[in-house]
PDB file of N, CA and C in Angstrom:
ATOM      1  N   MET A   1     113.419  65.635 127.690  1.00  0.00           N
ATOM      2  CA  MET A   1     113.199  67.001 127.280  1.00  0.00           C
ATOM      3  C   MET A   1     112.548  67.016 125.901  1.00  0.00           C
ATOM      4  N   PHE A   2     112.966  67.977 125.091  1.00  0.00           N
ATOM      5  CA  PHE A   2     112.384  68.130 123.764  1.00  0.00           C
ATOM      6  C   PHE A   2     113.201  67.374 122.733  1.00  0.00           C
ATOM      7  N   THR A   3     112.512  66.793 121.809  1.00  0.00           N
ATOM      8  CA  THR A   3     113.198  66.135 120.694  1.00  0.00           C
ATOM      9  C   THR A   3     112.827  66.850 119.411  1.00  0.00           C
ATOM     10  N   LYS A   4     113.733  66.827 118.492  1.00  0.00           N
ATOM     11  CA  LYS A   4     113.490  67.482 117.222  1.00  0.00           C
ATOM     12  C   LYS A   4     112.516  66.644 116.406  1.00  0.00           C
ATOM     13  N   LYS A   5     111.469  67.284 115.986  1.00  0.00           N
ATOM     14  CA  LYS A   5     110.458  66.588 115.205  1.00  0.00           C
ATOM     15  C   LYS A   5     110.942  66.474 113.765  1.00  0.00           C
ATOM     16  N   GLU A   6     110.887  65.274 113.248  1.00  0.00           N
ATOM     17  CA  GLU A   6     111.269  65.043 111.861  1.00  0.00           C
ATOM     18  C   GLU A   6     110.181  65.602 110.957  1.00  0.00           C
ATOM     19  N   PRO A   7     110.574  66.270 109.883  1.00  0.00           N
ATOM     20  CA  PRO A   7     109.543  66.779 108.971  1.00  0.00           C
ATOM     21  C   PRO A   7     108.779  65.623 108.338  1.00  0.00           C
ATOM     22  N   GLU A   8     107.483  65.828 108.245  1.00  0.00           N
ATOM     23  CA  GLU A   8     106.648  64.791 107.651  1.00  0.00           C
ATOM     24  C   GLU A   8     106.859  64.786 106.141  1.00  0.00           C
ATOM     25  N   PRO A   9     106.981  63.612 105.566  1.00  0.00           N
ATOM     26  CA  PRO A   9     107.140  63.569 104.106  1.00  0.00           C
ATOM     27  C   PRO A   9     105.884  64.127 103.435  1.00  0.00           C
ATOM     28  N   ARG A  10     106.090  64.897 102.410  1.00  0.00           N
ATOM     29  CA  ARG A  10     104.955  65.497 101.713  1.00  0.00           C
ATOM     30  C   ARG A  10     104.236  64.449 100.875  1.00  0.00           C
ATOM     31  N   THR A  11     102.950  64.513 100.950  1.00  0.00           N
ATOM     32  CA  THR A  11     102.147  63.622 100.127  1.00  0.00           C
ATOM     33  C   THR A  11     102.059  64.218  98.720  1.00  0.00           C
ATOM     34  N   PRO A  12     101.769  63.421  97.740  1.00  0.00           N
ATOM     35  CA  PRO A  12     101.619  63.978  96.384  1.00  0.00           C
ATOM     36  C   PRO A  12     100.564  65.083  96.327  1.00  0.00           C
ATOM     37  N   GLU A  13      99.511  64.974  97.153  1.00  0.00           N
ATOM     38  CA  GLU A  13      98.470  66.002  97.187  1.00  0.00           C
ATOM     39  C   GLU A  13      99.046  67.327  97.680  1.00  0.00           C
ATOM     40  N   ALA A  14      99.871  67.288  98.722  1.00  0.00           N
ATOM     41  CA  ALA A  14     100.456  68.502  99.272  1.00  0.00           C
ATOM     42  C   ALA A  14     101.430  69.130  98.282  1.00  0.00           C
ATOM     43  N   GLN A  15     102.208  68.315  97.608  1.00  0.00           N
ATOM     44  CA  GLN A  15     103.135  68.845  96.613  1.00  0.00           C
ATOM     45  C   GLN A  15     102.386  69.460  95.445  1.00  0.00           C
ATOM     46  N   GLN A  16     101.317  68.829  95.019  1.00  0.00           N
ATOM     47  CA  GLN A  16     100.544  69.353  93.905  1.00  0.00           C
ATOM     48  C   GLN A  16      99.923  70.690  94.291  1.00  0.00           C
ATOM     49  N   LYS A  17      99.469  70.818  95.527  1.00  0.00           N
ATOM     50  CA  LYS A  17      98.842  72.057  95.968  1.00  0.00           C
ATOM     51  C   LYS A  17      99.850  73.204  95.985  1.00  0.00           C
ATOM     52  N   THR A  18     101.094  72.933  96.406  1.00  0.00           N
ATOM     53  CA  THR A  18     102.092  73.984  96.448  1.00  0.00           C
ATOM     54  C   THR A  18     102.604  74.325  95.056  1.00  0.00           C
ATOM     55  N   ASN A  19     102.504  73.410  94.115  1.00  0.00           N
ATOM     56  CA  ASN A  19     102.968  73.648  92.754  1.00  0.00           C
ATOM     57  C   ASN A  19     101.852  74.155  91.834  1.00  0.00           C
ATOM     58  N   GLN A  20     100.657  74.273  92.361  1.00  0.00           N
ATOM     59  CA  GLN A  20      99.529  74.700  91.548  1.00  0.00           C
ATOM     60  C   GLN A  20      99.722  76.156  91.130  1.00  0.00           C
ATOM     61  N   LYS A  21      99.385  76.453  89.881  1.00  0.00           N
ATOM     62  CA  LYS A  21      99.566  77.798  89.350  1.00  0.00           C
ATOM     63  C   LYS A  21      98.216  78.493  89.216  1.00  0.00           C
ATOM     64  N   TYR A  22      98.257  79.803  89.442  1.00  0.00           N
ATOM     65  CA  TYR A  22      97.041  80.610  89.414  1.00  0.00           C
ATOM     66  C   TYR A  22      97.231  81.806  88.489  1.00  0.00           C
ATOM     67  N   SER A  23      96.135  82.289  87.957  1.00  0.00           N
ATOM     68  CA  SER A  23      96.183  83.460  87.088  1.00  0.00           C
ATOM     69  C   SER A  23      96.121  84.732  87.938  1.00  0.00           C
ATOM     70  N   LYS A  24      96.375  85.849  87.293  1.00  0.00           N
ATOM     71  CA  LYS A  24      96.303  87.149  87.956  1.00  0.00           C
ATOM     72  C   LYS A  24      94.893  87.375  88.526  1.00  0.00           C
ATOM     73  N   ALA A  25      93.869  86.990  87.769  1.00  0.00           N
ATOM     74  CA  ALA A  25      92.481  87.157  88.215  1.00  0.00           C
ATOM     75  C   ALA A  25      92.176  86.297  89.436  1.00  0.00           C
ATOM     76  N   GLN A  26      92.752  85.101  89.494  1.00  0.00           N
ATOM     77  CA  GLN A  26      92.509  84.227  90.646  1.00  0.00           C
ATOM     78  C   GLN A  26      93.150  84.801  91.907  1.00  0.00           C
ATOM     79  N   PHE A  27      94.320  85.411  91.776  1.00  0.00           N
ATOM     80  CA  PHE A  27      94.935  86.056  92.937  1.00  0.00           C
ATOM     81  C   PHE A  27      94.081  87.227  93.410  1.00  0.00           C
ATOM     82  N   ALA A  28      93.467  87.946  92.489  1.00  0.00           N
ATOM     83  CA  ALA A  28      92.616  89.081  92.848  1.00  0.00           C
ATOM     84  C   ALA A  28      91.395  88.644  93.650  1.00  0.00           C
ATOM     85  N   GLU A  29      90.943  87.412  93.445  1.00  0.00           N
ATOM     86  CA  GLU A  29      89.780  86.881  94.152  1.00  0.00           C
ATOM     87  C   GLU A  29      90.148  86.110  95.431  1.00  0.00           C
ATOM     88  N   SER A  30      91.425  85.934  95.680  1.00  0.00           N
ATOM     89  CA  SER A  30      91.881  85.113  96.793  1.00  0.00           C
ATOM     90  C   SER A  30      91.486  85.693  98.145  1.00  0.00           C
ATOM     91  N   ARG A  31      91.131  84.807  99.051  1.00  0.00           N
ATOM     92  CA  ARG A  31      90.827  85.215 100.424  1.00  0.00           C
ATOM     93  C   ARG A  31      92.056  85.109 101.323  1.00  0.00           C
ATOM     94  N   GLN A  32      93.134  84.537 100.795  1.00  0.00           N
ATOM     95  CA  GLN A  32      94.356  84.352 101.577  1.00  0.00           C
ATOM     96  C   GLN A  32      95.254  85.583 101.548  1.00  0.00           C
ATOM     97  N   LEU A  33      95.000  86.486 100.625  1.00  0.00           N
ATOM     98  CA  LEU A  33      95.846  87.660 100.467  1.00  0.00           C
ATOM     99  C   LEU A  33      95.147  88.900 100.998  1.00  0.00           C
ATOM    100  N   SER A  34      95.954  89.829 101.533  1.00  0.00           N
ATOM    101  CA  SER A  34      95.394  91.089 102.001  1.00  0.00           C
ATOM    102  C   SER A  34      95.096  91.989 100.804  1.00  0.00           C
ATOM    103  N   ARG A  35      94.382  93.054 101.043  1.00  0.00           N
ATOM    104  CA  ARG A  35      94.021  93.981  99.963  1.00  0.00           C
ATOM    105  C   ARG A  35      95.269  94.581  99.321  1.00  0.00           C
ATOM    106  N   ILE A  36      96.249  94.957 100.127  1.00  0.00           N
ATOM    107  CA  ILE A  36      97.466  95.553  99.572  1.00  0.00           C
ATOM    108  C   ILE A  36      98.264  94.545  98.757  1.00  0.00           C
ATOM    109  N   GLU A  37      98.295  93.281  99.203  1.00  0.00           N
ATOM    110  CA  GLU A  37      98.982  92.236  98.432  1.00  0.00           C
ATOM    111  C   GLU A  37      98.302  92.038  97.077  1.00  0.00           C
ATOM    112  N   LYS A  38      96.978  92.066  97.067  1.00  0.00           N
ATOM    113  CA  LYS A  38      96.243  91.937  95.813  1.00  0.00           C
ATOM    114  C   LYS A  38      96.550  93.105  94.888  1.00  0.00           C
ATOM    115  N   ASP A  39      96.627  94.312  95.447  1.00  0.00           N
ATOM    116  CA  ASP A  39      96.937  95.491  94.642  1.00  0.00           C
ATOM    117  C   ASP A  39      98.335  95.397  94.036  1.00  0.00           C
ATOM    118  N   ILE A  40      99.298  94.936  94.835  1.00  0.00           N
ATOM    119  CA  ILE A  40     100.667  94.785  94.337  1.00  0.00           C
ATOM    120  C   ILE A  40     100.704  93.773  93.204  1.00  0.00           C
ATOM    121  N   LEU A  41     100.041  92.629  93.405  1.00  0.00           N
ATOM    122  CA  LEU A  41     100.032  91.601  92.368  1.00  0.00           C
ATOM    123  C   LEU A  41      99.331  92.085  91.106  1.00  0.00           C
ATOM    124  N   ALA A  42      98.291  92.884  91.260  1.00  0.00           N
ATOM    125  CA  ALA A  42      97.598  93.432  90.093  1.00  0.00           C
ATOM    126  C   ALA A  42      98.538  94.318  89.281  1.00  0.00           C
ATOM    127  N   ALA A  43      99.471  94.962  89.960  1.00  0.00           N
ATOM    128  CA  ALA A  43     100.400  95.863  89.276  1.00  0.00           C
ATOM    129  C   ALA A  43     101.578  95.123  88.641  1.00  0.00           C
ATOM    130  N   VAL A  44     102.047  94.049  89.272  1.00  0.00           N
ATOM    131  CA  VAL A  44     103.290  93.433  88.809  1.00  0.00           C
ATOM    132  C   VAL A  44     103.129  92.149  88.000  1.00  0.00           C
ATOM    133  N   LEU A  45     102.016  91.450  88.140  1.00  0.00           N
ATOM    134  CA  LEU A  45     101.845  90.198  87.410  1.00  0.00           C
ATOM    135  C   LEU A  45     101.342  90.452  85.990  1.00  0.00           C
ATOM    136  N   LEU A  46     101.745  89.573  85.096  1.00  0.00           N
ATOM    137  CA  LEU A  46     101.290  89.654  83.714  1.00  0.00           C
ATOM    138  C   LEU A  46      99.959  88.918  83.555  1.00  0.00           C
ATOM    139  N   GLU A  47      99.091  89.477  82.747  1.00  0.00           N
ATOM    140  CA  GLU A  47      97.741  88.935  82.567  1.00  0.00           C
ATOM    141  C   GLU A  47      97.744  87.514  82.000  1.00  0.00           C
ATOM    142  N   GLN A  48      98.603  87.224  81.051  1.00  0.00           N
ATOM    143  CA  GLN A  48      98.586  85.930  80.361  1.00  0.00           C
ATOM    144  C   GLN A  48      99.417  84.855  81.048  1.00  0.00           C
ATOM    145  N   GLU A  49     100.113  85.173  82.118  1.00  0.00           N
ATOM    146  CA  GLU A  49     100.957  84.208  82.814  1.00  0.00           C
ATOM    147  C   GLU A  49     100.226  83.599  84.009  1.00  0.00           C
ATOM    148  N   THR A  50     100.739  82.452  84.470  1.00  0.00           N
ATOM    149  CA  THR A  50     100.250  81.852  85.705  1.00  0.00           C
ATOM    150  C   THR A  50     101.422  81.740  86.673  1.00  0.00           C
ATOM    151  N   TYR A  51     101.112  81.774  87.960  1.00  0.00           N
ATOM    152  CA  TYR A  51     102.139  81.812  88.991  1.00  0.00           C
ATOM    153  C   TYR A  51     101.749  80.905  90.150  1.00  0.00           C
ATOM    154  N   THR A  52     102.764  80.343  90.812  1.00  0.00           N
ATOM    155  CA  THR A  52     102.512  79.603  92.049  1.00  0.00           C
ATOM    156  C   THR A  52     102.355  80.619  93.173  1.00  0.00           C
ATOM    157  N   LEU A  53     101.839  80.168  94.300  1.00  0.00           N
ATOM    158  CA  LEU A  53     101.701  81.049  95.451  1.00  0.00           C
ATOM    159  C   LEU A  53     103.075  81.535  95.905  1.00  0.00           C
ATOM    160  N   GLN A  54     104.067  80.661  95.842  1.00  0.00           N
ATOM    161  CA  GLN A  54     105.444  81.022  96.205  1.00  0.00           C
ATOM    162  C   GLN A  54     105.965  82.131  95.296  1.00  0.00           C
ATOM    163  N   GLU A  55     105.746  82.017  94.004  1.00  0.00           N
ATOM    164  CA  GLU A  55     106.197  83.037  93.054  1.00  0.00           C
ATOM    165  C   GLU A  55     105.502  84.371  93.315  1.00  0.00           C
ATOM    166  N   ALA A  56     104.223  84.317  93.620  1.00  0.00           N
ATOM    167  CA  ALA A  56     103.482  85.543  93.911  1.00  0.00           C
ATOM    168  C   ALA A  56     104.036  86.227  95.160  1.00  0.00           C
ATOM    169  N   GLN A  57     104.323  85.437  96.197  1.00  0.00           N
ATOM    170  CA  GLN A  57     104.900  86.001  97.421  1.00  0.00           C
ATOM    171  C   GLN A  57     106.256  86.643  97.142  1.00  0.00           C
ATOM    172  N   GLU A  58     107.047  86.030  96.263  1.00  0.00           N
ATOM    173  CA  GLU A  58     108.345  86.595  95.893  1.00  0.00           C
ATOM    174  C   GLU A  58     108.178  87.925  95.174  1.00  0.00           C
ATOM    175  N   HIS A  59     107.178  88.024  94.300  1.00  0.00           N
ATOM    176  CA  HIS A  59     106.909  89.281  93.602  1.00  0.00           C
ATOM    177  C   HIS A  59     106.500  90.363  94.595  1.00  0.00           C
ATOM    178  N   ILE A  60     105.700  89.999  95.585  1.00  0.00           N
ATOM    179  CA  ILE A  60     105.291  90.959  96.613  1.00  0.00           C
ATOM    180  C   ILE A  60     106.510  91.447  97.382  1.00  0.00           C
ATOM    181  N   GLN A  61     107.388  90.521  97.799  1.00  0.00           N
ATOM    182  CA  GLN A  61     108.588  90.883  98.548  1.00  0.00           C
ATOM    183  C   GLN A  61     109.505  91.785  97.731  1.00  0.00           C
ATOM    184  N   GLN A  62     109.698  91.462  96.467  1.00  0.00           N
ATOM    185  CA  GLN A  62     110.552  92.282  95.604  1.00  0.00           C
ATOM    186  C   GLN A  62     109.991  93.689  95.476  1.00  0.00           C
ATOM    187  N   PHE A  63     108.685  93.797  95.328  1.00  0.00           N
ATOM    188  CA  PHE A  63     108.056  95.105  95.216  1.00  0.00           C
ATOM    189  C   PHE A  63     108.228  95.891  96.499  1.00  0.00           C
ATOM    190  N   MET A  64     107.980  95.253  97.636  1.00  0.00           N
ATOM    191  CA  MET A  64     108.088  95.926  98.930  1.00  0.00           C
ATOM    192  C   MET A  64     109.529  96.364  99.204  1.00  0.00           C
ATOM    193  N   ASN A  65     110.490  95.533  98.877  1.00  0.00           N
ATOM    194  CA  ASN A  65     111.901  95.870  99.096  1.00  0.00           C
ATOM    195  C   ASN A  65     112.343  96.996  98.174  1.00  0.00           C
ATOM    196  N   GLY A  66     111.844  96.994  96.955  1.00  0.00           N
ATOM    197  CA  GLY A  66     112.203  98.046  96.001  1.00  0.00           C
ATOM    198  C   GLY A  66     111.633  99.395  96.411  1.00  0.00           C
ATOM    199  N   GLU A  67     110.435  99.404  96.971  1.00  0.00           N
ATOM    200  CA  GLU A  67     109.814 100.647  97.400  1.00  0.00           C
ATOM    201  C   GLU A  67     110.455 101.193  98.660  1.00  0.00           C
ATOM    202  N   ALA A  68     111.006 100.324  99.499  1.00  0.00           N
ATOM    203  CA  ALA A  68     111.567 100.755 100.775  1.00  0.00           C
ATOM    204  C   ALA A  68     112.921 101.432 100.578  1.00  0.00           C
ATOM    205  N   GLN A  69     113.607 101.160  99.509  1.00  0.00           N
ATOM    206  CA  GLN A  69     114.948 101.718  99.309  1.00  0.00           C
ATOM    207  C   GLN A  69     114.945 103.133  98.833  1.00  0.00           C
TER     208      GLN A  69
END
């Protein structure tokens, strides 16, 4: 039947890519984000700070959850 696939160990390149930080302007130019996600990030991110993609997604989720309540 089916066997559980073991997660592949991350290569240093993959870890570096996930830990890479981007500026607010770089998120605004991203092709991976929708227009609304870019608008949210433009409102909540600080101009002088840099963020990982994970951190940016967390900011989007926090904003969306706060608006829904």
